[in-house]
Amino acid sequence: MPARSRGRSPNEASTVDHVTVTANGDPVELGEGATVTELLDGLGLGGKWVLVERNGEPVARGELATTVLVDGDRIELVRAVAGG
């Protein structure tokens, strides 16, 4: 008896389970429903010292964990540096 294929049947609709955003000019693929905090974690950045702009609008620090990213978002990240 031949083995059954575990692939998707041609009649099944494909589902998108990821989004691609542009962070500082570079494409980044994330899981669907990912937040700004998850993006920062994935890039190895802590939200405490990073300023975030999404599609030209600032994202308040208190909203990083609740701001869900969507496909095509343009994110600018600036790390705050103390000095003197």
C-alpha atoms as a PDB file:
ATOM      1  CA  MET A   1       0.000   0.000   0.000  1.00  0.00           C
ATOM      2  CA  PRO A   2       1.549   3.377  -0.971  1.00  0.00           C
ATOM      3  CA  ALA A   3       2.266   5.959   1.723  1.00  0.00           C
ATOM      4  CA  ARG A   4      -0.222   8.812   1.948  1.00  0.00           C
ATOM      5  CA  SER A   5       1.009  12.303   1.333  1.00  0.00           C
ATOM      6  CA  ARG A   6       0.757  14.663   4.273  1.00  0.00           C
ATOM      7  CA  GLY A   7       0.755  17.715   2.010  1.00  0.00           C
ATOM      8  CA  ARG A   8      -2.129  20.070   1.540  1.00  0.00           C
ATOM      9  CA  SER A   9      -4.774  19.061  -0.952  1.00  0.00           C
ATOM     10  CA  PRO A  10      -5.202  21.376  -3.950  1.00  0.00           C
ATOM     11  CA  ASN A  11      -8.668  22.347  -2.719  1.00  0.00           C
ATOM     12  CA  GLU A  12      -7.470  23.595   0.668  1.00  0.00           C
ATOM     13  CA  ALA A  13      -7.066  27.346   0.977  1.00  0.00           C
ATOM     14  CA  SER A  14      -3.601  28.421   1.978  1.00  0.00           C
ATOM     15  CA  THR A  15      -3.380  30.332   5.217  1.00  0.00           C
ATOM     16  CA  VAL A  16      -0.935  33.071   6.009  1.00  0.00           C
ATOM     17  CA  ASP A  17       0.511  32.690   9.465  1.00  0.00           C
ATOM     18  CA  HIS A  18       3.159  35.378   9.214  1.00  0.00           C
ATOM     19  CA  VAL A  19       3.585  39.041   8.407  1.00  0.00           C
ATOM     20  CA  THR A  20       6.546  40.883   6.975  1.00  0.00           C
ATOM     21  CA  VAL A  21       7.395  44.322   8.311  1.00  0.00           C
ATOM     22  CA  THR A  22      10.285  46.606   7.437  1.00  0.00           C
ATOM     23  CA  ALA A  23      12.396  47.534  10.449  1.00  0.00           C
ATOM     24  CA  ASN A  24      14.995  50.236   9.768  1.00  0.00           C
ATOM     25  CA  GLY A  25      14.949  49.324   6.090  1.00  0.00           C
ATOM     26  CA  ASP A  26      15.300  45.541   6.544  1.00  0.00           C
ATOM     27  CA  PRO A  27      12.474  43.023   6.054  1.00  0.00           C
ATOM     28  CA  VAL A  28      11.575  41.056   9.186  1.00  0.00           C
ATOM     29  CA  GLU A  29       9.176  38.104   9.189  1.00  0.00           C
ATOM     30  CA  LEU A  30       7.059  37.627  12.305  1.00  0.00           C
ATOM     31  CA  GLY A  31       4.204  35.407  13.362  1.00  0.00           C
ATOM     32  CA  GLU A  32       0.732  36.724  12.630  1.00  0.00           C
ATOM     33  CA  GLY A  33      -0.496  38.818  15.556  1.00  0.00           C
ATOM     34  CA  ALA A  34       3.035  39.749  16.681  1.00  0.00           C
ATOM     35  CA  THR A  35       3.376  42.918  18.713  1.00  0.00           C
ATOM     36  CA  VAL A  36       6.051  45.603  18.728  1.00  0.00           C
ATOM     37  CA  THR A  37       7.446  44.043  21.918  1.00  0.00           C
ATOM     38  CA  GLU A  38       7.849  40.699  20.125  1.00  0.00           C
ATOM     39  CA  LEU A  39       9.648  42.467  17.266  1.00  0.00           C
ATOM     40  CA  LEU A  40      12.021  44.139  19.722  1.00  0.00           C
ATOM     41  CA  ASP A  41      12.664  40.835  21.506  1.00  0.00           C
ATOM     42  CA  GLY A  42      13.337  39.098  18.192  1.00  0.00           C
ATOM     43  CA  LEU A  43      15.870  41.773  17.275  1.00  0.00           C
ATOM     44  CA  GLY A  44      17.529  41.566  20.680  1.00  0.00           C
ATOM     45  CA  LEU A  45      16.460  45.064  21.700  1.00  0.00           C
ATOM     46  CA  GLY A  46      14.876  46.012  24.987  1.00  0.00           C
ATOM     47  CA  GLY A  47      11.891  48.333  24.824  1.00  0.00           C
ATOM     48  CA  LYS A  48      13.193  50.463  27.679  1.00  0.00           C
ATOM     49  CA  TRP A  49      15.837  52.264  25.636  1.00  0.00           C
ATOM     50  CA  VAL A  50      14.283  52.097  22.160  1.00  0.00           C
ATOM     51  CA  LEU A  51      12.051  54.686  20.549  1.00  0.00           C
ATOM     52  CA  VAL A  52       9.582  53.187  18.071  1.00  0.00           C
ATOM     53  CA  GLU A  53       7.836  54.756  15.116  1.00  0.00           C
ATOM     54  CA  ARG A  54       5.244  52.766  13.158  1.00  0.00           C
ATOM     55  CA  ASN A  55       4.279  54.043   9.719  1.00  0.00           C
ATOM     56  CA  GLY A  56       5.523  57.520  10.638  1.00  0.00           C
ATOM     57  CA  GLU A  57       3.678  57.687  13.971  1.00  0.00           C
ATOM     58  CA  PRO A  58       5.342  57.265  17.384  1.00  0.00           C
ATOM     59  CA  VAL A  59       4.298  54.267  19.476  1.00  0.00           C
ATOM     60  CA  ALA A  60       3.982  55.083  23.172  1.00  0.00           C
ATOM     61  CA  ARG A  61       6.144  52.928  25.440  1.00  0.00           C
ATOM     62  CA  GLY A  62       3.019  51.753  27.275  1.00  0.00           C
ATOM     63  CA  GLU A  63       1.512  50.486  24.001  1.00  0.00           C
ATOM     64  CA  LEU A  64       4.453  48.394  22.722  1.00  0.00           C
ATOM     65  CA  ALA A  65       2.993  45.140  24.080  1.00  0.00           C
ATOM     66  CA  THR A  66      -0.482  45.803  22.680  1.00  0.00           C
ATOM     67  CA  THR A  67       0.382  47.251  19.268  1.00  0.00           C
ATOM     68  CA  VAL A  68      -0.127  44.419  16.779  1.00  0.00           C
ATOM     69  CA  LEU A  69       1.940  44.616  13.611  1.00  0.00           C
ATOM     70  CA  VAL A  70       0.400  43.976  10.213  1.00  0.00           C
ATOM     71  CA  ASP A  71       1.928  42.994   6.903  1.00  0.00           C
ATOM     72  CA  GLY A  72       3.686  45.949   5.297  1.00  0.00           C
ATOM     73  CA  ASP A  73       4.186  48.052   8.441  1.00  0.00           C
ATOM     74  CA  ARG A  74       7.273  50.274   8.318  1.00  0.00           C
ATOM     75  CA  ILE A  75       9.009  50.419  11.671  1.00  0.00           C
ATOM     76  CA  GLU A  76      11.805  52.801  12.646  1.00  0.00           C
ATOM     77  CA  LEU A  77      13.745  51.958  15.778  1.00  0.00           C
ATOM     78  CA  VAL A  78      16.124  54.349  17.503  1.00  0.00           C
ATOM     79  CA  ARG A  79      18.166  53.279  20.498  1.00  0.00           C
ATOM     80  CA  ALA A  80      18.470  56.040  23.074  1.00  0.00           C
ATOM     81  CA  VAL A  81      22.063  56.544  24.194  1.00  0.00           C
ATOM     82  CA  ALA A  82      23.098  58.408  27.316  1.00  0.00           C
ATOM     83  CA  GLY A  83      26.315  60.313  27.231  1.00  0.00           C
ATOM     84  CA  GLY A  84      27.950  63.472  28.182  1.00  0.00           C
END
